């Protein structure tokens, strides 16, 4: 089975809760606007190209997909997931915005999700496997 090597950005930021007006830690999620998994929710990112490190690939992908510069922090985890057509190996990094407004260039929609709303969207199967680790990071405030 072919292995596809990709990277994903867990972009964290403090956001104001519209109901309580309190600041909460949130993570940015995107909805695919194309392909077989169209409409599924995922963390933004993409394929690692030949000669790139995972961190370089992630910075490039977020610049291309969201017109935003990010700082890539700690590796949260690596997802190994078998789709019917290929094996996915996805390095997931904690990230923060350096410059930009997270403009959707390829995705259908996006949301900032808090610990309370993290499971409120229909995640793609591979992304589902790392949500417990993301939830822990959201608890850290």
N, C-alpha and C. Protein backbone atom coordinates (compact mmCIF):
# COMPACT_ATOMS: atom_id res chain seq x y z
N UNK A 1 0.85 -1.19 0.00
CA UNK A 1 0.00 0.00 0.00
C UNK A 1 0.89 1.25 0.00
N UNK A 2 0.52 2.20 -0.81
CA UNK A 2 1.28 3.46 -0.91
C UNK A 2 1.11 4.29 0.36
N UNK A 3 2.22 4.88 0.83
CA UNK A 3 2.18 5.78 1.99
C UNK A 3 2.23 7.22 1.51
N UNK A 4 1.31 8.03 2.05
CA UNK A 4 1.29 9.47 1.76
C UNK A 4 1.71 10.19 3.03
N UNK A 5 2.78 10.99 2.92
CA UNK A 5 3.33 11.73 4.07
C UNK A 5 2.78 13.16 4.05
N UNK A 6 2.06 13.53 5.10
CA UNK A 6 1.48 14.87 5.18
C UNK A 6 1.75 15.48 6.55
N UNK A 7 1.45 16.76 6.65
CA UNK A 7 1.58 17.50 7.90
C UNK A 7 0.28 18.25 8.16
N UNK A 8 0.01 18.51 9.43
CA UNK A 8 -1.20 19.25 9.81
C UNK A 8 -0.87 20.26 10.90
N UNK A 9 -1.54 21.40 10.82
CA UNK A 9 -1.34 22.48 11.78
C UNK A 9 -2.51 22.54 12.76
N UNK A 10 -2.20 22.43 14.04
CA UNK A 10 -3.17 22.70 15.08
C UNK A 10 -2.88 24.15 15.50
N UNK A 11 -3.60 25.08 14.89
CA UNK A 11 -3.38 26.51 15.15
C UNK A 11 -4.22 26.90 16.36
N UNK A 12 -3.53 27.22 17.45
CA UNK A 12 -4.21 27.60 18.68
C UNK A 12 -4.17 29.12 18.86
N UNK A 13 -5.24 29.66 19.45
CA UNK A 13 -5.30 31.09 19.76
C UNK A 13 -6.36 31.31 20.83
N UNK A 14 -6.25 32.41 21.54
CA UNK A 14 -7.28 32.81 22.49
C UNK A 14 -8.40 33.49 21.70
N UNK A 15 -9.63 33.10 21.95
CA UNK A 15 -10.79 33.66 21.27
C UNK A 15 -11.83 34.04 22.32
N UNK A 16 -12.62 35.06 22.02
CA UNK A 16 -13.67 35.46 22.96
C UNK A 16 -14.91 34.60 22.72
N UNK A 17 -15.42 33.99 23.79
CA UNK A 17 -16.65 33.22 23.72
C UNK A 17 -17.81 34.20 23.57
N UNK A 18 -18.61 34.07 22.48
CA UNK A 18 -19.69 35.04 22.25
C UNK A 18 -20.76 35.02 23.34
N UNK A 19 -20.93 33.88 24.01
CA UNK A 19 -21.95 33.78 25.05
C UNK A 19 -21.48 34.36 26.38
N UNK A 20 -20.29 33.96 26.82
CA UNK A 20 -19.81 34.37 28.14
C UNK A 20 -18.91 35.59 28.10
N UNK A 21 -18.43 35.96 26.91
CA UNK A 21 -17.49 37.07 26.70
C UNK A 21 -16.11 36.79 27.31
N UNK A 22 -15.93 35.60 27.88
CA UNK A 22 -14.63 35.23 28.44
C UNK A 22 -13.72 34.72 27.32
N UNK A 23 -12.41 34.87 27.53
CA UNK A 23 -11.45 34.35 26.56
C UNK A 23 -11.25 32.86 26.80
N UNK A 24 -11.21 32.11 25.70
CA UNK A 24 -10.98 30.67 25.75
C UNK A 24 -9.94 30.30 24.72
N UNK A 25 -9.20 29.24 25.00
CA UNK A 25 -8.26 28.72 24.02
C UNK A 25 -9.08 27.94 22.98
N UNK A 26 -8.76 28.16 21.70
CA UNK A 26 -9.47 27.49 20.62
C UNK A 26 -8.47 27.01 19.57
N UNK A 27 -8.92 26.07 18.75
CA UNK A 27 -8.09 25.52 17.67
C UNK A 27 -8.86 25.71 16.36
N UNK A 28 -8.11 25.98 15.29
CA UNK A 28 -8.68 26.28 13.98
C UNK A 28 -8.87 25.00 13.19
N UNK A 29 -10.08 24.78 12.69
CA UNK A 29 -10.39 23.61 11.87
C UNK A 29 -10.98 24.06 10.54
N UNK A 30 -10.73 23.27 9.50
CA UNK A 30 -11.21 23.62 8.16
C UNK A 30 -12.04 22.49 7.58
N UNK A 31 -12.97 22.86 6.69
CA UNK A 31 -13.81 21.89 6.01
C UNK A 31 -13.35 21.77 4.57
N UNK A 32 -13.06 20.55 4.15
CA UNK A 32 -12.57 20.31 2.78
C UNK A 32 -13.60 20.76 1.76
N UNK A 33 -13.11 21.42 0.72
CA UNK A 33 -13.99 21.90 -0.33
C UNK A 33 -13.85 21.13 -1.63
N UNK A 34 -13.11 20.01 -1.61
CA UNK A 34 -12.83 19.28 -2.84
C UNK A 34 -12.49 17.82 -2.52
N UNK A 35 -12.47 17.00 -3.55
CA UNK A 35 -11.98 15.63 -3.43
C UNK A 35 -12.95 14.66 -2.81
N UNK A 36 -12.45 13.45 -2.64
CA UNK A 36 -13.27 12.35 -2.12
C UNK A 36 -13.82 12.64 -0.73
N UNK A 37 -13.05 13.34 0.08
CA UNK A 37 -13.47 13.66 1.45
C UNK A 37 -14.08 15.06 1.59
N UNK A 38 -14.63 15.56 0.49
CA UNK A 38 -15.25 16.89 0.49
C UNK A 38 -16.27 16.97 1.64
N UNK A 39 -16.29 18.11 2.29
CA UNK A 39 -17.18 18.43 3.41
C UNK A 39 -16.71 17.88 4.76
N UNK A 40 -15.70 17.01 4.77
CA UNK A 40 -15.16 16.52 6.04
C UNK A 40 -14.30 17.59 6.69
N UNK A 41 -14.24 17.57 8.01
CA UNK A 41 -13.45 18.55 8.77
C UNK A 41 -12.08 17.98 9.08
N UNK A 42 -11.09 18.87 9.03
CA UNK A 42 -9.69 18.47 9.23
C UNK A 42 -8.90 19.63 9.79
N UNK A 43 -7.68 19.32 10.20
CA UNK A 43 -6.74 20.36 10.53
C UNK A 43 -6.01 20.71 9.24
N UNK A 44 -5.79 21.99 8.95
CA UNK A 44 -5.19 22.37 7.67
C UNK A 44 -3.74 21.90 7.55
N UNK A 45 -3.33 21.69 6.31
CA UNK A 45 -1.97 21.24 6.04
C UNK A 45 -1.91 20.61 4.66
N UNK A 46 -0.98 19.70 4.46
CA UNK A 46 -0.87 19.06 3.16
C UNK A 46 0.36 18.18 3.03
N UNK A 47 0.65 17.81 1.80
CA UNK A 47 1.75 16.88 1.52
C UNK A 47 3.12 17.50 1.73
N UNK A 48 4.03 16.67 2.20
CA UNK A 48 5.43 17.05 2.32
C UNK A 48 6.08 16.77 0.97
N UNK A 49 6.66 17.80 0.35
CA UNK A 49 7.30 17.63 -0.95
C UNK A 49 8.76 17.20 -0.78
N UNK A 50 9.30 16.60 -1.83
CA UNK A 50 10.67 16.12 -1.80
C UNK A 50 11.63 17.26 -1.42
N UNK A 51 12.53 16.99 -0.48
CA UNK A 51 13.51 17.98 -0.06
C UNK A 51 13.05 18.89 1.05
N UNK A 52 11.79 18.78 1.48
CA UNK A 52 11.26 19.62 2.55
C UNK A 52 11.29 18.87 3.88
N UNK A 53 11.49 19.61 4.95
CA UNK A 53 11.26 19.04 6.27
C UNK A 53 9.76 19.18 6.55
N UNK A 54 9.23 18.41 7.48
CA UNK A 54 7.81 18.57 7.82
C UNK A 54 7.45 20.00 8.22
N UNK A 55 8.30 20.66 9.00
CA UNK A 55 8.01 22.03 9.42
C UNK A 55 7.99 23.00 8.24
N UNK A 56 8.93 22.84 7.30
CA UNK A 56 8.95 23.69 6.10
C UNK A 56 7.69 23.46 5.27
N UNK A 57 7.29 22.20 5.13
CA UNK A 57 6.09 21.87 4.36
C UNK A 57 4.86 22.51 4.99
N UNK A 58 4.78 22.47 6.31
CA UNK A 58 3.61 23.02 6.98
C UNK A 58 3.53 24.53 6.81
N UNK A 59 4.65 25.21 6.94
CA UNK A 59 4.65 26.66 6.72
C UNK A 59 4.21 26.99 5.30
N UNK A 60 4.72 26.24 4.31
CA UNK A 60 4.35 26.47 2.91
C UNK A 60 2.86 26.21 2.69
N UNK A 61 2.37 25.09 3.18
CA UNK A 61 0.97 24.73 2.99
C UNK A 61 0.02 25.77 3.59
N UNK A 62 0.31 26.24 4.79
CA UNK A 62 -0.57 27.22 5.43
C UNK A 62 -0.51 28.56 4.70
N UNK A 63 0.66 28.91 4.19
CA UNK A 63 0.78 30.13 3.38
C UNK A 63 -0.07 29.99 2.11
N UNK A 64 0.00 28.84 1.45
CA UNK A 64 -0.75 28.61 0.21
C UNK A 64 -2.26 28.48 0.44
N UNK A 65 -2.65 27.75 1.47
CA UNK A 65 -4.06 27.46 1.70
C UNK A 65 -4.81 28.55 2.46
N UNK A 66 -4.09 29.28 3.34
CA UNK A 66 -4.75 30.23 4.23
C UNK A 66 -4.15 31.63 4.18
N UNK A 67 -3.16 31.84 3.32
CA UNK A 67 -2.51 33.14 3.17
C UNK A 67 -2.04 33.70 4.51
N UNK A 68 -1.44 32.82 5.32
CA UNK A 68 -1.04 33.18 6.68
C UNK A 68 0.35 32.61 6.98
N UNK A 69 1.15 33.37 7.70
CA UNK A 69 2.44 32.88 8.18
C UNK A 69 2.25 32.35 9.60
N UNK A 70 2.81 31.16 9.84
CA UNK A 70 2.69 30.55 11.16
C UNK A 70 4.07 30.24 11.73
N UNK A 71 4.10 30.10 13.04
CA UNK A 71 5.26 29.56 13.73
C UNK A 71 4.90 28.13 14.09
N UNK A 72 5.76 27.19 13.72
CA UNK A 72 5.51 25.77 13.99
C UNK A 72 6.21 25.40 15.29
N UNK A 73 5.42 24.92 16.23
CA UNK A 73 5.95 24.55 17.54
C UNK A 73 6.14 23.05 17.69
N UNK A 74 5.72 22.55 18.84
CA UNK A 74 5.93 21.15 19.20
C UNK A 74 5.13 20.18 18.33
N UNK A 75 5.70 19.01 18.13
CA UNK A 75 4.99 17.91 17.50
C UNK A 75 4.00 17.36 18.52
N UNK A 76 2.72 17.40 18.19
CA UNK A 76 1.69 16.87 19.09
C UNK A 76 1.61 15.36 18.96
N UNK A 77 1.79 14.88 17.74
CA UNK A 77 1.75 13.45 17.51
C UNK A 77 1.79 13.14 16.02
N UNK A 78 2.01 11.87 15.70
CA UNK A 78 1.98 11.41 14.32
C UNK A 78 0.85 10.40 14.18
N UNK A 79 -0.03 10.67 13.26
CA UNK A 79 -1.15 9.78 12.97
C UNK A 79 -0.73 8.80 11.89
N UNK A 80 -0.97 7.53 12.13
CA UNK A 80 -0.79 6.50 11.12
C UNK A 80 -2.18 5.92 10.87
N UNK A 81 -2.70 6.09 9.66
CA UNK A 81 -4.08 5.69 9.40
C UNK A 81 -4.20 5.05 8.01
N UNK A 82 -4.89 3.93 7.94
CA UNK A 82 -5.10 3.24 6.66
C UNK A 82 -6.44 3.61 6.06
N UNK A 83 -6.39 4.37 4.97
CA UNK A 83 -7.56 4.59 4.14
C UNK A 83 -7.60 3.43 3.14
N UNK A 84 -8.73 3.19 2.47
CA UNK A 84 -8.79 2.06 1.53
C UNK A 84 -7.73 2.12 0.43
N UNK A 85 -7.39 3.32 -0.05
CA UNK A 85 -6.48 3.47 -1.19
C UNK A 85 -5.02 3.69 -0.81
N UNK A 86 -4.75 4.13 0.42
CA UNK A 86 -3.38 4.47 0.81
C UNK A 86 -3.23 4.50 2.33
N UNK A 87 -1.98 4.49 2.78
CA UNK A 87 -1.66 4.66 4.19
C UNK A 87 -1.25 6.11 4.41
N UNK A 88 -1.88 6.76 5.38
CA UNK A 88 -1.58 8.15 5.71
C UNK A 88 -0.65 8.20 6.91
N UNK A 89 0.44 8.96 6.78
CA UNK A 89 1.32 9.26 7.90
C UNK A 89 1.32 10.78 8.04
N UNK A 90 0.72 11.27 9.14
CA UNK A 90 0.52 12.72 9.30
C UNK A 90 1.13 13.21 10.60
N UNK A 91 2.15 14.08 10.46
CA UNK A 91 2.75 14.75 11.61
C UNK A 91 1.89 15.96 11.95
N UNK A 92 1.47 16.07 13.21
CA UNK A 92 0.60 17.14 13.66
C UNK A 92 1.36 18.05 14.63
N UNK A 93 1.43 19.33 14.29
CA UNK A 93 2.21 20.28 15.06
C UNK A 93 1.34 21.36 15.69
N UNK A 94 1.72 21.77 16.90
CA UNK A 94 1.10 22.93 17.54
C UNK A 94 1.65 24.18 16.84
N UNK A 95 0.77 25.09 16.44
CA UNK A 95 1.19 26.27 15.68
C UNK A 95 0.49 27.53 16.22
N UNK A 96 1.10 28.68 15.89
CA UNK A 96 0.43 29.95 16.17
C UNK A 96 0.65 30.89 15.01
N UNK A 97 -0.27 31.82 14.87
CA UNK A 97 -0.23 32.78 13.77
C UNK A 97 0.85 33.82 14.03
N UNK A 98 1.67 34.08 13.02
CA UNK A 98 2.67 35.14 13.09
C UNK A 98 2.14 36.36 12.35
N UNK A 99 1.55 36.12 11.17
CA UNK A 99 1.04 37.23 10.36
C UNK A 99 -0.02 36.68 9.41
N UNK A 100 -1.16 37.38 9.31
CA UNK A 100 -2.20 36.99 8.38
C UNK A 100 -3.56 36.85 9.04
N UNK A 101 -4.55 36.60 8.22
CA UNK A 101 -5.95 36.58 8.67
C UNK A 101 -6.65 35.24 8.45
N UNK A 102 -5.92 34.17 8.10
CA UNK A 102 -6.51 32.87 7.83
C UNK A 102 -7.62 32.96 6.78
N UNK A 103 -7.26 33.39 5.59
CA UNK A 103 -8.20 33.48 4.46
C UNK A 103 -8.35 32.11 3.83
N UNK A 104 -9.58 31.69 3.59
CA UNK A 104 -9.83 30.38 2.98
C UNK A 104 -9.58 30.45 1.48
N UNK A 105 -8.52 29.81 1.01
CA UNK A 105 -8.18 29.79 -0.40
C UNK A 105 -8.65 28.49 -1.06
N UNK A 106 -8.74 27.40 -0.29
CA UNK A 106 -9.10 26.09 -0.84
C UNK A 106 -10.23 25.41 -0.07
N UNK A 107 -10.47 25.84 1.15
CA UNK A 107 -11.46 25.17 2.00
C UNK A 107 -12.84 25.79 1.84
N UNK A 108 -13.84 25.00 2.17
CA UNK A 108 -15.23 25.42 2.07
C UNK A 108 -15.65 26.29 3.25
N UNK A 109 -15.15 25.93 4.44
CA UNK A 109 -15.53 26.65 5.66
C UNK A 109 -14.44 26.45 6.70
N UNK A 110 -14.54 27.21 7.79
CA UNK A 110 -13.59 27.07 8.90
C UNK A 110 -14.29 27.49 10.18
N UNK A 111 -13.78 26.97 11.30
CA UNK A 111 -14.32 27.32 12.61
C UNK A 111 -13.19 27.30 13.63
N UNK A 112 -13.34 28.14 14.65
CA UNK A 112 -12.50 28.05 15.84
C UNK A 112 -13.28 27.18 16.81
N UNK A 113 -12.66 26.10 17.26
CA UNK A 113 -13.33 25.15 18.15
C UNK A 113 -12.67 25.16 19.52
N UNK A 114 -13.49 25.17 20.56
CA UNK A 114 -13.01 25.14 21.94
C UNK A 114 -13.11 23.70 22.46
N UNK A 115 -12.67 23.49 23.68
CA UNK A 115 -12.78 22.16 24.29
C UNK A 115 -14.24 21.69 24.25
N UNK A 116 -15.16 22.61 24.47
CA UNK A 116 -16.59 22.28 24.50
C UNK A 116 -17.14 21.93 23.11
N UNK A 117 -16.61 22.56 22.06
CA UNK A 117 -17.17 22.38 20.72
C UNK A 117 -16.30 21.51 19.79
N UNK A 118 -15.20 20.97 20.31
CA UNK A 118 -14.23 20.25 19.48
C UNK A 118 -14.87 19.09 18.71
N UNK A 119 -15.82 18.42 19.30
CA UNK A 119 -16.43 17.24 18.66
C UNK A 119 -17.74 17.59 17.94
N UNK A 120 -17.99 18.87 17.69
CA UNK A 120 -19.26 19.30 17.09
C UNK A 120 -19.27 19.26 15.56
N UNK A 121 -18.15 18.92 14.94
CA UNK A 121 -18.08 18.84 13.48
C UNK A 121 -17.79 17.40 13.07
N UNK A 122 -18.01 17.07 11.81
CA UNK A 122 -17.76 15.72 11.31
C UNK A 122 -16.33 15.61 10.82
N UNK A 123 -15.44 15.17 11.71
CA UNK A 123 -14.02 15.07 11.41
C UNK A 123 -13.75 13.93 10.43
N UNK A 124 -12.71 14.10 9.60
CA UNK A 124 -12.23 13.01 8.78
C UNK A 124 -11.66 11.93 9.71
N UNK A 125 -11.73 10.66 9.31
CA UNK A 125 -11.32 9.57 10.22
C UNK A 125 -9.92 9.71 10.80
N UNK A 126 -8.94 10.09 10.02
CA UNK A 126 -7.57 10.21 10.54
C UNK A 126 -7.48 11.32 11.59
N UNK A 127 -8.10 12.45 11.33
CA UNK A 127 -8.04 13.58 12.27
C UNK A 127 -8.71 13.25 13.60
N UNK A 128 -9.75 12.43 13.54
CA UNK A 128 -10.45 12.01 14.76
C UNK A 128 -9.50 11.38 15.78
N UNK A 129 -8.48 10.70 15.29
CA UNK A 129 -7.61 9.93 16.18
C UNK A 129 -6.70 10.80 17.07
N UNK A 130 -6.59 12.09 16.77
CA UNK A 130 -5.71 12.94 17.59
C UNK A 130 -6.49 13.95 18.44
N UNK A 131 -7.81 13.89 18.39
CA UNK A 131 -8.62 14.89 19.10
C UNK A 131 -8.43 14.86 20.61
N UNK A 132 -8.16 13.70 21.19
CA UNK A 132 -7.93 13.66 22.65
C UNK A 132 -6.72 14.50 23.04
N UNK A 133 -5.65 14.43 22.23
CA UNK A 133 -4.45 15.22 22.51
C UNK A 133 -4.73 16.71 22.31
N UNK A 134 -5.52 17.05 21.30
CA UNK A 134 -5.88 18.45 21.06
C UNK A 134 -6.73 18.96 22.22
N UNK A 135 -7.67 18.14 22.66
CA UNK A 135 -8.53 18.50 23.79
C UNK A 135 -7.72 18.81 25.04
N UNK A 136 -6.68 18.01 25.29
CA UNK A 136 -5.80 18.25 26.44
C UNK A 136 -5.12 19.62 26.32
N UNK A 137 -4.68 19.97 25.12
CA UNK A 137 -4.03 21.27 24.91
C UNK A 137 -5.04 22.41 25.10
N UNK A 138 -6.30 22.19 24.73
CA UNK A 138 -7.31 23.22 24.92
C UNK A 138 -7.61 23.42 26.40
N UNK A 139 -7.47 22.39 27.20
CA UNK A 139 -7.69 22.48 28.65
C UNK A 139 -6.65 23.36 29.32
N UNK A 140 -5.46 23.41 28.72
CA UNK A 140 -4.36 24.15 29.34
C UNK A 140 -4.59 25.65 29.36
N UNK A 141 -5.66 26.09 28.72
CA UNK A 141 -6.03 27.50 28.78
C UNK A 141 -5.17 28.33 27.94
